[in-house]
PDB file of N, CA and C in Angstrom:
ATOM      1  N   MET A   1      28.179  12.544  -3.858  1.00  0.00           N
ATOM      2  CA  MET A   1      26.935  12.380  -4.590  1.00  0.00           C
ATOM      3  C   MET A   1      25.942  13.430  -4.105  1.00  0.00           C
ATOM      4  N   ASN A   2      25.360  14.097  -5.024  1.00  0.00           N
ATOM      5  CA  ASN A   2      24.374  15.117  -4.723  1.00  0.00           C
ATOM      6  C   ASN A   2      23.142  14.465  -4.086  1.00  0.00           C
ATOM      7  N   MET A   3      22.531  15.164  -3.115  1.00  0.00           N
ATOM      8  CA  MET A   3      21.378  14.599  -2.417  1.00  0.00           C
ATOM      9  C   MET A   3      20.189  14.427  -3.360  1.00  0.00           C
ATOM     10  N   LEU A   4      20.021  15.348  -4.289  1.00  0.00           N
ATOM     11  CA  LEU A   4      18.927  15.223  -5.247  1.00  0.00           C
ATOM     12  C   LEU A   4      19.125  14.005  -6.149  1.00  0.00           C
ATOM     13  N   THR A   5      20.352  13.778  -6.577  1.00  0.00           N
ATOM     14  CA  THR A   5      20.646  12.594  -7.387  1.00  0.00           C
ATOM     15  C   THR A   5      20.413  11.320  -6.585  1.00  0.00           C
ATOM     16  N   PHE A   6      20.800  11.351  -5.328  1.00  0.00           N
ATOM     17  CA  PHE A   6      20.592  10.193  -4.461  1.00  0.00           C
ATOM     18  C   PHE A   6      19.106   9.895  -4.291  1.00  0.00           C
ATOM     19  N   MET A   7      18.287  10.931  -4.041  1.00  0.00           N
ATOM     20  CA  MET A   7      16.855  10.728  -3.845  1.00  0.00           C
ATOM     21  C   MET A   7      16.188  10.242  -5.133  1.00  0.00           C
ATOM     22  N   LEU A   8      16.592  10.791  -6.263  1.00  0.00           N
ATOM     23  CA  LEU A   8      16.011  10.345  -7.528  1.00  0.00           C
ATOM     24  C   LEU A   8      16.383   8.902  -7.839  1.00  0.00           C
ATOM     25  N   SER A   9      17.632   8.550  -7.605  1.00  0.00           N
ATOM     26  CA  SER A   9      18.035   7.168  -7.871  1.00  0.00           C
ATOM     27  C   SER A   9      17.375   6.202  -6.889  1.00  0.00           C
ATOM     28  N   LEU A  10      17.243   6.616  -5.625  1.00  0.00           N
ATOM     29  CA  LEU A  10      16.560   5.773  -4.644  1.00  0.00           C
ATOM     30  C   LEU A  10      15.086   5.584  -5.020  1.00  0.00           C
ATOM     31  N   SER A  11      14.441   6.642  -5.480  1.00  0.00           N
ATOM     32  CA  SER A  11      13.041   6.539  -5.917  1.00  0.00           C
ATOM     33  C   SER A  11      12.910   5.618  -7.120  1.00  0.00           C
ATOM     34  N   LEU A  12      13.823   5.738  -8.046  1.00  0.00           N
ATOM     35  CA  LEU A  12      13.790   4.887  -9.234  1.00  0.00           C
ATOM     36  C   LEU A  12      14.005   3.419  -8.867  1.00  0.00           C
ATOM     37  N   ILE A  13      14.937   3.152  -7.977  1.00  0.00           N
ATOM     38  CA  ILE A  13      15.215   1.767  -7.568  1.00  0.00           C
ATOM     39  C   ILE A  13      14.016   1.170  -6.836  1.00  0.00           C
ATOM     40  N   ILE A  14      13.431   1.934  -5.918  1.00  0.00           N
ATOM     41  CA  ILE A  14      12.278   1.425  -5.171  1.00  0.00           C
ATOM     42  C   ILE A  14      11.090   1.200  -6.104  1.00  0.00           C
ATOM     43  N   SER A  15      10.843   2.140  -7.016  1.00  0.00           N
ATOM     44  CA  SER A  15       9.722   1.988  -7.954  1.00  0.00           C
ATOM     45  C   SER A  15       9.920   0.784  -8.871  1.00  0.00           C
ATOM     46  N   ALA A  16      11.121   0.617  -9.383  1.00  0.00           N
ATOM     47  CA  ALA A  16      11.385  -0.516 -10.273  1.00  0.00           C
ATOM     48  C   ALA A  16      11.267  -1.836  -9.517  1.00  0.00           C
ATOM     49  N   THR A  17      11.760  -1.878  -8.284  1.00  0.00           N
ATOM     50  CA  THR A  17      11.669  -3.099  -7.479  1.00  0.00           C
ATOM     51  C   THR A  17      10.218  -3.467  -7.198  1.00  0.00           C
ATOM     52  N   LEU A  18       9.413  -2.483  -6.809  1.00  0.00           N
ATOM     53  CA  LEU A  18       8.008  -2.766  -6.522  1.00  0.00           C
ATOM     54  C   LEU A  18       7.233  -3.159  -7.775  1.00  0.00           C
ATOM     55  N   THR A  19       7.559  -2.553  -8.905  1.00  0.00           N
ATOM     56  CA  THR A  19       6.890  -2.921 -10.159  1.00  0.00           C
ATOM     57  C   THR A  19       7.237  -4.349 -10.560  1.00  0.00           C
ATOM     58  N   LEU A  20       8.500  -4.706 -10.473  1.00  0.00           N
ATOM     59  CA  LEU A  20       8.899  -6.075 -10.808  1.00  0.00           C
ATOM     60  C   LEU A  20       8.303  -7.080  -9.832  1.00  0.00           C
ATOM     61  N   LEU A  21       8.232  -6.718  -8.562  1.00  0.00           N
ATOM     62  CA  LEU A  21       7.624  -7.596  -7.569  1.00  0.00           C
ATOM     63  C   LEU A  21       6.141  -7.797  -7.864  1.00  0.00           C
ATOM     64  N   ASN A  22       5.467  -6.743  -8.309  1.00  0.00           N
ATOM     65  CA  ASN A  22       4.061  -6.857  -8.667  1.00  0.00           C
ATOM     66  C   ASN A  22       3.867  -7.788  -9.858  1.00  0.00           C
ATOM     67  N   PHE A  23       4.683  -7.661 -10.880  1.00  0.00           N
ATOM     68  CA  PHE A  23       4.565  -8.551 -12.030  1.00  0.00           C
ATOM     69  C   PHE A  23       4.870  -9.993 -11.655  1.00  0.00           C
ATOM     70  N   TRP A  24       5.754 -10.190 -10.698  1.00  0.00           N
ATOM     71  CA  TRP A  24       6.150 -11.538 -10.304  1.00  0.00           C
ATOM     72  C   TRP A  24       5.087 -12.201  -9.434  1.00  0.00           C
ATOM     73  N   LEU A  25       4.460 -11.448  -8.539  1.00  0.00           N
ATOM     74  CA  LEU A  25       3.517 -12.025  -7.588  1.00  0.00           C
ATOM     75  C   LEU A  25       2.057 -11.997  -8.049  1.00  0.00           C
ATOM     76  N   ALA A  26       1.729 -11.214  -9.061  1.00  0.00           N
ATOM     77  CA  ALA A  26       0.328 -11.058  -9.463  1.00  0.00           C
ATOM     78  C   ALA A  26      -0.216 -12.338 -10.102  1.00  0.00           C
ATOM     79  N   GLN A  27      -1.486 -12.602  -9.810  1.00  0.00           N
ATOM     80  CA  GLN A  27      -2.156 -13.741 -10.433  1.00  0.00           C
ATOM     81  C   GLN A  27      -2.726 -13.282 -11.769  1.00  0.00           C
ATOM     82  N   THR A  28      -2.339 -13.951 -12.817  1.00  0.00           N
ATOM     83  CA  THR A  28      -2.796 -13.549 -14.141  1.00  0.00           C
ATOM     84  C   THR A  28      -3.810 -14.520 -14.730  1.00  0.00           C
ATOM     85  N   LYS A  29      -4.237 -15.515 -13.965  1.00  0.00           N
ATOM     86  CA  LYS A  29      -5.226 -16.472 -14.448  1.00  0.00           C
ATOM     87  C   LYS A  29      -6.585 -16.114 -13.855  1.00  0.00           C
ATOM     88  N   PRO A  30      -7.452 -15.462 -14.627  1.00  0.00           N
ATOM     89  CA  PRO A  30      -8.765 -15.117 -14.075  1.00  0.00           C
ATOM     90  C   PRO A  30      -9.654 -16.357 -13.961  1.00  0.00           C
ATOM     91  N   ASP A  31     -10.414 -16.417 -12.877  1.00  0.00           N
ATOM     92  CA  ASP A  31     -11.350 -17.523 -12.701  1.00  0.00           C
ATOM     93  C   ASP A  31     -12.768 -17.020 -12.983  1.00  0.00           C
ATOM     94  N   SER A  32     -13.743 -17.887 -12.790  1.00  0.00           N
ATOM     95  CA  SER A  32     -15.121 -17.528 -13.126  1.00  0.00           C
ATOM     96  C   SER A  32     -15.649 -16.413 -12.229  1.00  0.00           C
ATOM     97  N   GLU A  33     -15.220 -16.370 -10.979  1.00  0.00           N
ATOM     98  CA  GLU A  33     -15.668 -15.308 -10.080  1.00  0.00           C
ATOM     99  C   GLU A  33     -15.129 -13.956 -10.517  1.00  0.00           C
ATOM    100  N   LYS A  34     -13.892 -13.933 -10.956  1.00  0.00           N
ATOM    101  CA  LYS A  34     -13.287 -12.674 -11.378  1.00  0.00           C
ATOM    102  C   LYS A  34     -13.895 -12.163 -12.670  1.00  0.00           C
ATOM    103  N   LEU A  35     -14.317 -13.067 -13.532  1.00  0.00           N
ATOM    104  CA  LEU A  35     -14.894 -12.672 -14.806  1.00  0.00           C
ATOM    105  C   LEU A  35     -16.381 -12.341 -14.713  1.00  0.00           C
ATOM    106  N   SER A  36     -17.000 -12.610 -13.572  1.00  0.00           N
ATOM    107  CA  SER A  36     -18.420 -12.308 -13.436  1.00  0.00           C
ATOM    108  C   SER A  36     -18.614 -10.803 -13.268  1.00  0.00           C
ATOM    109  N   PRO A  37     -19.799 -10.291 -13.640  1.00  0.00           N
ATOM    110  CA  PRO A  37     -20.005  -8.847 -13.527  1.00  0.00           C
ATOM    111  C   PRO A  37     -20.024  -8.351 -12.082  1.00  0.00           C
ATOM    112  N   TYR A  38     -20.319  -9.234 -11.134  1.00  0.00           N
ATOM    113  CA  TYR A  38     -20.345  -8.850  -9.722  1.00  0.00           C
ATOM    114  C   TYR A  38     -19.155  -9.506  -9.028  1.00  0.00           C
ATOM    115  N   GLU A  39     -17.983  -8.963  -9.232  1.00  0.00           N
ATOM    116  CA  GLU A  39     -16.788  -9.595  -8.690  1.00  0.00           C
ATOM    117  C   GLU A  39     -16.575  -9.280  -7.216  1.00  0.00           C
ATOM    118  N   CYS A  40     -17.448  -8.484  -6.606  1.00  0.00           N
ATOM    119  CA  CYS A  40     -17.267  -8.138  -5.202  1.00  0.00           C
ATOM    120  C   CYS A  40     -17.618  -9.306  -4.283  1.00  0.00           C
ATOM    121  N   GLY A  41     -18.324 -10.306  -4.764  1.00  0.00           N
ATOM    122  CA  GLY A  41     -18.646 -11.466  -3.945  1.00  0.00           C
ATOM    123  C   GLY A  41     -20.037 -11.438  -3.365  1.00  0.00           C
ATOM    124  N   PHE A  42     -20.765 -10.339  -3.499  1.00  0.00           N
ATOM    125  CA  PHE A  42     -22.111 -10.257  -2.970  1.00  0.00           C
ATOM    126  C   PHE A  42     -23.104 -10.810  -3.982  1.00  0.00           C
ATOM    127  N   ASP A  43     -24.154 -11.408  -3.492  1.00  0.00           N
ATOM    128  CA  ASP A  43     -25.215 -11.923  -4.345  1.00  0.00           C
ATOM    129  C   ASP A  43     -26.091 -10.758  -4.785  1.00  0.00           C
ATOM    130  N   PRO A  44     -26.179 -10.479  -6.096  1.00  0.00           N
ATOM    131  CA  PRO A  44     -26.942  -9.302  -6.532  1.00  0.00           C
ATOM    132  C   PRO A  44     -28.452  -9.491  -6.399  1.00  0.00           C
ATOM    133  N   LEU A  45     -28.927 -10.701  -6.147  1.00  0.00           N
ATOM    134  CA  LEU A  45     -30.356 -10.957  -6.056  1.00  0.00           C
ATOM    135  C   LEU A  45     -30.849 -11.026  -4.620  1.00  0.00           C
ATOM    136  N   GLY A  46     -29.929 -11.016  -3.660  1.00  0.00           N
ATOM    137  CA  GLY A  46     -30.308 -11.137  -2.259  1.00  0.00           C
ATOM    138  C   GLY A  46     -30.723  -9.804  -1.656  1.00  0.00           C
ATOM    139  N   SER A  47     -30.841  -9.767  -0.357  1.00  0.00           N
ATOM    140  CA  SER A  47     -31.235  -8.574   0.372  1.00  0.00           C
ATOM    141  C   SER A  47     -30.105  -7.538   0.349  1.00  0.00           C
ATOM    142  N   ALA A  48     -30.480  -6.287   0.242  1.00  0.00           N
ATOM    143  CA  ALA A  48     -29.492  -5.205   0.240  1.00  0.00           C
ATOM    144  C   ALA A  48     -29.139  -4.768   1.655  1.00  0.00           C
ATOM    145  N   ARG A  49     -29.737  -5.365   2.653  1.00  0.00           N
ATOM    146  CA  ARG A  49     -29.528  -4.966   4.045  1.00  0.00           C
ATOM    147  C   ARG A  49     -28.598  -5.900   4.808  1.00  0.00           C
ATOM    148  N   LEU A  50     -27.805  -6.695   4.102  1.00  0.00           N
ATOM    149  CA  LEU A  50     -26.881  -7.584   4.776  1.00  0.00           C
ATOM    150  C   LEU A  50     -25.729  -6.779   5.369  1.00  0.00           C
ATOM    151  N   PRO A  51     -25.282  -7.116   6.573  1.00  0.00           N
ATOM    152  CA  PRO A  51     -24.187  -6.354   7.186  1.00  0.00           C
ATOM    153  C   PRO A  51     -22.853  -6.666   6.505  1.00  0.00           C
ATOM    154  N   PHE A  52     -21.982  -5.674   6.506  1.00  0.00           N
ATOM    155  CA  PHE A  52     -20.653  -5.854   5.958  1.00  0.00           C
ATOM    156  C   PHE A  52     -19.775  -6.585   6.958  1.00  0.00           C
ATOM    157  N   SER A  53     -18.786  -7.272   6.435  1.00  0.00           N
ATOM    158  CA  SER A  53     -17.813  -7.918   7.297  1.00  0.00           C
ATOM    159  C   SER A  53     -16.869  -6.871   7.869  1.00  0.00           C
ATOM    160  N   ILE A  54     -16.359  -7.122   9.053  1.00  0.00           N
ATOM    161  CA  ILE A  54     -15.408  -6.202   9.680  1.00  0.00           C
ATOM    162  C   ILE A  54     -14.106  -6.158   8.891  1.00  0.00           C
ATOM    163  N   ARG A  55     -13.816  -7.192   8.132  1.00  0.00           N
ATOM    164  CA  ARG A  55     -12.597  -7.214   7.312  1.00  0.00           C
ATOM    165  C   ARG A  55     -12.651  -6.161   6.201  1.00  0.00           C
ATOM    166  N   PHE A  56     -13.856  -5.875   5.716  1.00  0.00           N
ATOM    167  CA  PHE A  56     -14.009  -4.823   4.721  1.00  0.00           C
ATOM    168  C   PHE A  56     -13.547  -3.482   5.298  1.00  0.00           C
ATOM    169  N   PHE A  57     -13.950  -3.202   6.530  1.00  0.00           N
ATOM    170  CA  PHE A  57     -13.559  -1.953   7.162  1.00  0.00           C
ATOM    171  C   PHE A  57     -12.069  -1.928   7.475  1.00  0.00           C
ATOM    172  N   LEU A  58     -11.487  -3.073   7.807  1.00  0.00           N
ATOM    173  CA  LEU A  58     -10.050  -3.130   8.069  1.00  0.00           C
ATOM    174  C   LEU A  58      -9.255  -2.781   6.813  1.00  0.00           C
ATOM    175  N   VAL A  59      -9.665  -3.321   5.684  1.00  0.00           N
ATOM    176  CA  VAL A  59      -8.974  -3.002   4.424  1.00  0.00           C
ATOM    177  C   VAL A  59      -9.173  -1.530   4.077  1.00  0.00           C
ATOM    178  N   ALA A  60     -10.360  -0.996   4.336  1.00  0.00           N
ATOM    179  CA  ALA A  60     -10.609   0.421   4.063  1.00  0.00           C
ATOM    180  C   ALA A  60      -9.739   1.307   4.943  1.00  0.00           C
ATOM    181  N   ILE A  61      -9.578   0.949   6.203  1.00  0.00           N
ATOM    182  CA  ILE A  61      -8.724   1.728   7.106  1.00  0.00           C
ATOM    183  C   ILE A  61      -7.271   1.633   6.672  1.00  0.00           C
ATOM    184  N   LEU A  62      -6.837   0.462   6.248  1.00  0.00           N
ATOM    185  CA  LEU A  62      -5.458   0.330   5.760  1.00  0.00           C
ATOM    186  C   LEU A  62      -5.246   1.171   4.509  1.00  0.00           C
ATOM    187  N   PHE A  63      -6.243   1.220   3.638  1.00  0.00           N
ATOM    188  CA  PHE A  63      -6.133   2.070   2.448  1.00  0.00           C
ATOM    189  C   PHE A  63      -5.982   3.536   2.849  1.00  0.00           C
ATOM    190  N   LEU A  64      -6.808   3.987   3.798  1.00  0.00           N
ATOM    191  CA  LEU A  64      -6.704   5.372   4.241  1.00  0.00           C
ATOM    192  C   LEU A  64      -5.358   5.661   4.895  1.00  0.00           C
ATOM    193  N   LEU A  65      -4.846   4.700   5.639  1.00  0.00           N
ATOM    194  CA  LEU A  65      -3.549   4.878   6.293  1.00  0.00           C
ATOM    195  C   LEU A  65      -2.446   5.065   5.260  1.00  0.00           C
ATOM    196  N   PHE A  66      -2.432   4.232   4.235  1.00  0.00           N
ATOM    197  CA  PHE A  66      -1.391   4.362   3.225  1.00  0.00           C
ATOM    198  C   PHE A  66      -1.639   5.568   2.318  1.00  0.00           C
ATOM    199  N   ASP A  67      -2.889   5.997   2.192  1.00  0.00           N
ATOM    200  CA  ASP A  67      -3.169   7.214   1.453  1.00  0.00           C
ATOM    201  C   ASP A  67      -2.631   8.424   2.215  1.00  0.00           C
ATOM    202  N   LEU A  68      -2.767   8.412   3.526  1.00  0.00           N
ATOM    203  CA  LEU A  68      -2.196   9.492   4.338  1.00  0.00           C
ATOM    204  C   LEU A  68      -0.677   9.459   4.321  1.00  0.00           C
ATOM    205  N   GLU A  69      -0.105   8.273   4.191  1.00  0.00           N
ATOM    206  CA  GLU A  69       1.352   8.177   4.082  1.00  0.00           C
ATOM    207  C   GLU A  69       1.834   8.924   2.844  1.00  0.00           C
ATOM    208  N   ILE A  70       1.131   8.785   1.756  1.00  0.00           N
ATOM    209  CA  ILE A  70       1.504   9.505   0.536  1.00  0.00           C
ATOM    210  C   ILE A  70       1.402  11.006   0.771  1.00  0.00           C
ATOM    211  N   ALA A  71       0.367  11.437   1.481  1.00  0.00           N
ATOM    212  CA  ALA A  71       0.216  12.872   1.763  1.00  0.00           C
ATOM    213  C   ALA A  71       1.355  13.379   2.646  1.00  0.00           C
ATOM    214  N   LEU A  72       1.850  12.534   3.548  1.00  0.00           N
ATOM    215  CA  LEU A  72       2.980  12.939   4.386  1.00  0.00           C
ATOM    216  C   LEU A  72       4.286  12.986   3.610  1.00  0.00           C
ATOM    217  N   LEU A  73       4.414  12.122   2.609  1.00  0.00           N
ATOM    218  CA  LEU A  73       5.675  12.050   1.869  1.00  0.00           C
ATOM    219  C   LEU A  73       5.714  12.963   0.652  1.00  0.00           C
ATOM    220  N   LEU A  74       4.596  13.592   0.294  1.00  0.00           N
ATOM    221  CA  LEU A  74       4.598  14.474  -0.865  1.00  0.00           C
ATOM    222  C   LEU A  74       5.552  15.667  -0.737  1.00  0.00           C
ATOM    223  N   PRO A  75       5.693  16.297   0.426  1.00  0.00           N
ATOM    224  CA  PRO A  75       6.618  17.437   0.517  1.00  0.00           C
ATOM    225  C   PRO A  75       8.088  17.029   0.553  1.00  0.00           C
ATOM    226  N   LEU A  76       8.389  15.768   0.426  1.00  0.00           N
ATOM    227  CA  LEU A  76       9.772  15.311   0.550  1.00  0.00           C
ATOM    228  C   LEU A  76      10.723  15.936  -0.470  1.00  0.00           C
ATOM    229  N   PRO A  77      10.361  16.056  -1.758  1.00  0.00           N
ATOM    230  CA  PRO A  77      11.322  16.664  -2.693  1.00  0.00           C
ATOM    231  C   PRO A  77      11.702  18.098  -2.317  1.00  0.00           C
ATOM    232  N   TRP A  78      10.782  18.839  -1.708  1.00  0.00           N
ATOM    233  CA  TRP A  78      11.117  20.197  -1.295  1.00  0.00           C
ATOM    234  C   TRP A  78      11.862  20.181   0.038  1.00  0.00           C
ATOM    235  N   ALA A  79      11.639  19.175   0.847  1.00  0.00           N
ATOM    236  CA  ALA A  79      12.283  19.123   2.155  1.00  0.00           C
ATOM    237  C   ALA A  79      13.761  18.790   2.060  1.00  0.00           C
ATOM    238  N   ILE A  80      14.203  18.220   0.949  1.00  0.00           N
ATOM    239  CA  ILE A  80      15.630  17.903   0.850  1.00  0.00           C
ATOM    240  C   ILE A  80      16.473  19.152   0.624  1.00  0.00           C
ATOM    241  N   GLN A  81      15.824  20.301   0.419  1.00  0.00           N
ATOM    242  CA  GLN A  81      16.553  21.562   0.273  1.00  0.00           C
ATOM    243  C   GLN A  81      16.860  22.203   1.626  1.00  0.00           C
ATOM    244  N   LEU A  82      16.463  21.573   2.711  1.00  0.00           N
ATOM    245  CA  LEU A  82      16.727  22.108   4.046  1.00  0.00           C
ATOM    246  C   LEU A  82      18.209  21.979   4.386  1.00  0.00           C
ATOM    247  N   HIS A  83      18.562  22.489   5.555  1.00  0.00           N
ATOM    248  CA  HIS A  83      19.966  22.483   5.972  1.00  0.00           C
ATOM    249  C   HIS A  83      20.487  21.074   6.241  1.00  0.00           C
ATOM    250  N   SER A  84      19.631  20.205   6.746  1.00  0.00           N
ATOM    251  CA  SER A  84      20.065  18.831   7.027  1.00  0.00           C
ATOM    252  C   SER A  84      19.125  17.848   6.342  1.00  0.00           C
ATOM    253  N   PRO A  85      19.356  17.553   5.080  1.00  0.00           N
ATOM    254  CA  PRO A  85      18.457  16.629   4.369  1.00  0.00           C
ATOM    255  C   PRO A  85      18.581  15.189   4.856  1.00  0.00           C
ATOM    256  N   THR A  86      19.654  14.855   5.529  1.00  0.00           N
ATOM    257  CA  THR A  86      19.771  13.483   6.047  1.00  0.00           C
ATOM    258  C   THR A  86      18.766  13.223   7.158  1.00  0.00           C
ATOM    259  N   VAL A  87      18.441  14.253   7.933  1.00  0.00           N
ATOM    260  CA  VAL A  87      17.416  14.095   8.970  1.00  0.00           C
ATOM    261  C   VAL A  87      16.055  13.856   8.317  1.00  0.00           C
ATOM    262  N   THR A  88      15.777  14.576   7.243  1.00  0.00           N
ATOM    263  CA  THR A  88      14.527  14.376   6.506  1.00  0.00           C
ATOM    264  C   THR A  88      14.448  12.963   5.948  1.00  0.00           C
ATOM    265  N   LEU A  89      15.547  12.494   5.391  1.00  0.00           N
ATOM    266  CA  LEU A  89      15.583  11.138   4.860  1.00  0.00           C
ATOM    267  C   LEU A  89      15.406  10.104   5.973  1.00  0.00           C
ATOM    268  N   ALA A  90      16.004  10.360   7.124  1.00  0.00           N
ATOM    269  CA  ALA A  90      15.862   9.431   8.257  1.00  0.00           C
ATOM    270  C   ALA A  90      14.408   9.360   8.722  1.00  0.00           C
ATOM    271  N   TRP A  91      13.731  10.512   8.826  1.00  0.00           N
ATOM    272  CA  TRP A  91      12.328  10.509   9.222  1.00  0.00           C
ATOM    273  C   TRP A  91      11.455   9.820   8.191  1.00  0.00           C
ATOM    274  N   THR A  92      11.768  10.035   6.929  1.00  0.00           N
ATOM    275  CA  THR A  92      11.007   9.392   5.856  1.00  0.00           C
ATOM    276  C   THR A  92      11.155   7.877   5.926  1.00  0.00           C
ATOM    277  N   LEU A  93      12.373   7.416   6.081  1.00  0.00           N
ATOM    278  CA  LEU A  93      12.596   5.973   6.182  1.00  0.00           C
ATOM    279  C   LEU A  93      11.957   5.389   7.440  1.00  0.00           C
ATOM    280  N   THR A  94      11.911   6.177   8.514  1.00  0.00           N
ATOM    281  CA  THR A  94      11.248   5.725   9.740  1.00  0.00           C
ATOM    282  C   THR A  94       9.747   5.543   9.507  1.00  0.00           C
ATOM    283  N   ILE A  95       9.120   6.522   8.859  1.00  0.00           N
ATOM    284  CA  ILE A  95       7.681   6.423   8.585  1.00  0.00           C
ATOM    285  C   ILE A  95       7.382   5.227   7.685  1.00  0.00           C
ATOM    286  N   ILE A  96       8.162   5.078   6.628  1.00  0.00           N
ATOM    287  CA  ILE A  96       7.927   3.970   5.695  1.00  0.00           C
ATOM    288  C   ILE A  96       8.166   2.623   6.363  1.00  0.00           C
ATOM    289  N   SER A  97       9.211   2.526   7.173  1.00  0.00           N
ATOM    290  CA  SER A  97       9.493   1.237   7.820  1.00  0.00           C
ATOM    291  C   SER A  97       8.440   0.901   8.867  1.00  0.00           C
ATOM    292  N   LEU A  98       7.952   1.884   9.622  1.00  0.00           N
ATOM    293  CA  LEU A  98       6.890   1.607  10.595  1.00  0.00           C
ATOM    294  C   LEU A  98       5.613   1.142   9.907  1.00  0.00           C
ATOM    295  N   LEU A  99       5.236   1.801   8.821  1.00  0.00           N
ATOM    296  CA  LEU A  99       4.038   1.380   8.104  1.00  0.00           C
ATOM    297  C   LEU A  99       4.223   0.014   7.449  1.00  0.00           C
ATOM    298  N   THR A 100       5.420  -0.262   6.957  1.00  0.00           N
ATOM    299  CA  THR A 100       5.686  -1.572   6.363  1.00  0.00           C
ATOM    300  C   THR A 100       5.636  -2.661   7.417  1.00  0.00           C
ATOM    301  N   LEU A 101       6.212  -2.404   8.590  1.00  0.00           N
ATOM    302  CA  LEU A 101       6.146  -3.394   9.671  1.00  0.00           C
ATOM    303  C   LEU A 101       4.702  -3.641  10.105  1.00  0.00           C
ATOM    304  N   GLY A 102       3.887  -2.597  10.164  1.00  0.00           N
ATOM    305  CA  GLY A 102       2.481  -2.769  10.507  1.00  0.00           C
ATOM    306  C   GLY A 102       1.735  -3.588   9.474  1.00  0.00           C
ATOM    307  N   LEU A 103       2.026  -3.343   8.202  1.00  0.00           N
ATOM    308  CA  LEU A 103       1.376  -4.112   7.137  1.00  0.00           C
ATOM    309  C   LEU A 103       1.799  -5.576   7.183  1.00  0.00           C
ATOM    310  N   VAL A 104       3.080  -5.836   7.409  1.00  0.00           N
ATOM    311  CA  VAL A 104       3.565  -7.220   7.506  1.00  0.00           C
ATOM    312  C   VAL A 104       2.929  -7.919   8.705  1.00  0.00           C
ATOM    313  N   TYR A 105       2.793  -7.198   9.818  1.00  0.00           N
ATOM    314  CA  TYR A 105       2.163  -7.787  10.999  1.00  0.00           C
ATOM    315  C   TYR A 105       0.709  -8.159  10.712  1.00  0.00           C
ATOM    316  N   GLU A 106      -0.039  -7.243  10.078  1.00  0.00           N
ATOM    317  CA  GLU A 106      -1.432  -7.548   9.726  1.00  0.00           C
ATOM    318  C   GLU A 106      -1.521  -8.723   8.776  1.00  0.00           C
ATOM    319  N   TRP A 107      -0.605  -8.783   7.835  1.00  0.00           N
ATOM    320  CA  TRP A 107      -0.598  -9.865   6.861  1.00  0.00           C
ATOM    321  C   TRP A 107      -0.331 -11.198   7.544  1.00  0.00           C
ATOM    322  N   LEU A 108       0.661 -11.228   8.438  1.00  0.00           N
ATOM    323  CA  LEU A 108       1.005 -12.475   9.126  1.00  0.00           C
ATOM    324  C   LEU A 108      -0.078 -12.910  10.113  1.00  0.00           C
ATOM    325  N   GLN A 109      -0.810 -11.957  10.679  1.00  0.00           N
ATOM    326  CA  GLN A 109      -1.899 -12.298  11.602  1.00  0.00           C
ATOM    327  C   GLN A 109      -3.156 -12.751  10.880  1.00  0.00           C
ATOM    328  N   GLY A 110      -3.156 -12.627   9.542  1.00  0.00           N
ATOM    329  CA  GLY A 110      -4.318 -13.053   8.761  1.00  0.00           C
ATOM    330  C   GLY A 110      -5.412 -12.014   8.680  1.00  0.00           C
ATOM    331  N   GLY A 111      -5.106 -10.779   8.999  1.00  0.00           N
ATOM    332  CA  GLY A 111      -6.109  -9.728   8.981  1.00  0.00           C
ATOM    333  C   GLY A 111      -6.547  -9.321   7.594  1.00  0.00           C
ATOM    334  N   LEU A 112      -5.770  -9.664   6.587  1.00  0.00           N
ATOM    335  CA  LEU A 112      -6.116  -9.308   5.216  1.00  0.00           C
ATOM    336  C   LEU A 112      -6.741 -10.448   4.439  1.00  0.00           C
ATOM    337  N   GLU A 113      -6.984 -11.562   5.078  1.00  0.00           N
ATOM    338  CA  GLU A 113      -7.598 -12.720   4.414  1.00  0.00           C
ATOM    339  C   GLU A 113      -9.123 -12.552   4.425  1.00  0.00           C
ATOM    340  N   TRP A 114      -9.742 -12.753   3.276  1.00  0.00           N
ATOM    341  CA  TRP A 114     -11.183 -12.625   3.191  1.00  0.00           C
ATOM    342  C   TRP A 114     -11.874 -13.889   3.680  1.00  0.00           C
ATOM    343  N   ALA A 115     -11.329 -15.052   3.369  1.00  0.00           N
ATOM    344  CA  ALA A 115     -11.943 -16.319   3.779  1.00  0.00           C
ATOM    345  C   ALA A 115     -11.419 -16.700   5.147  1.00  0.00           C
ATOM    346  N   GLU A 116     -12.305 -17.252   5.957  1.00  0.00           N
ATOM    347  CA  GLU A 116     -11.901 -17.661   7.301  1.00  0.00           C
ATOM    348  C   GLU A 116     -11.751 -19.153   7.394  1.00  0.00           C
TER     349      GLU A 116
END
């Protein structure tokens, strides 16, 4: 099997799996809070000087981390043209698995929960 065919099929399988998982796990019943114009949860009539929760910054840092992951994985299609593409694939899977384990750990510790 050609390495390019393998990478394309692996990308297609992962994308399809994540898309189906999203459709399966997503909440499709909007409530009154979600339908309100201020869905962020802040009171639009209160003081503008209220401090942000530390959880907001944690989610922002996680977003930046996964955004940097995409920047690290963007050169992957060109990197498979190297002499040993299996090493490139191994490093890619290592990066993805480490970030996935970190996300699962944060999720299980309750770091992504907004309500306490």
